[in-house]
Amino acid sequence: MAGVTLNFLSIFKYSLILFVVEVLVGMASTMLWGADNYKSQPLLDYFICQYLPLFLPSLLVLSYYAKVQAHNTLPHLVAVVSICGFLGFIMVSALMGKWFVSPLWFIDIPMSALTIGVAMIIGRSLRKG
């Protein structure tokens, strides 16, 4: 990515916005369905209760950012999602008192890539529209 100039202030701003949105949605979904209820759910129900509520607001935030960020959209979105994920990793690790990597990281990473891809498409179409 030689020659790519990133707008670090906007990346940091949207990373914080995305982090707050994901924390609020995660708290709301945990309050609605309960934390212990996830263990007994089938995988599809878990996916619908856990990932879908996070996917949609994240998609809104990232799509808007993709619309606003006309140049070098992909590196900006990747940076925002990476920083947000890193903030989440740090916060959860601090709360647990040890380094904690989600046991579902193999689902989280493709979901993040899917969110970035769809947000780029939506943002580009909103920019042209």
Foldseek 3Di string as FASTA:
>chain_A
DPPDDDDVVVLVVLLVVLLVQLVVLQVVLCVVQNPVNLVPDDPVVNCVSHVVSSLVVSLVSLLQVLLVPVPPSLVSLVSSVVSNVVVVQVVVCVVVVHRDDDPVVVVVVVSSVVSSVSSNVNSVVVNVD
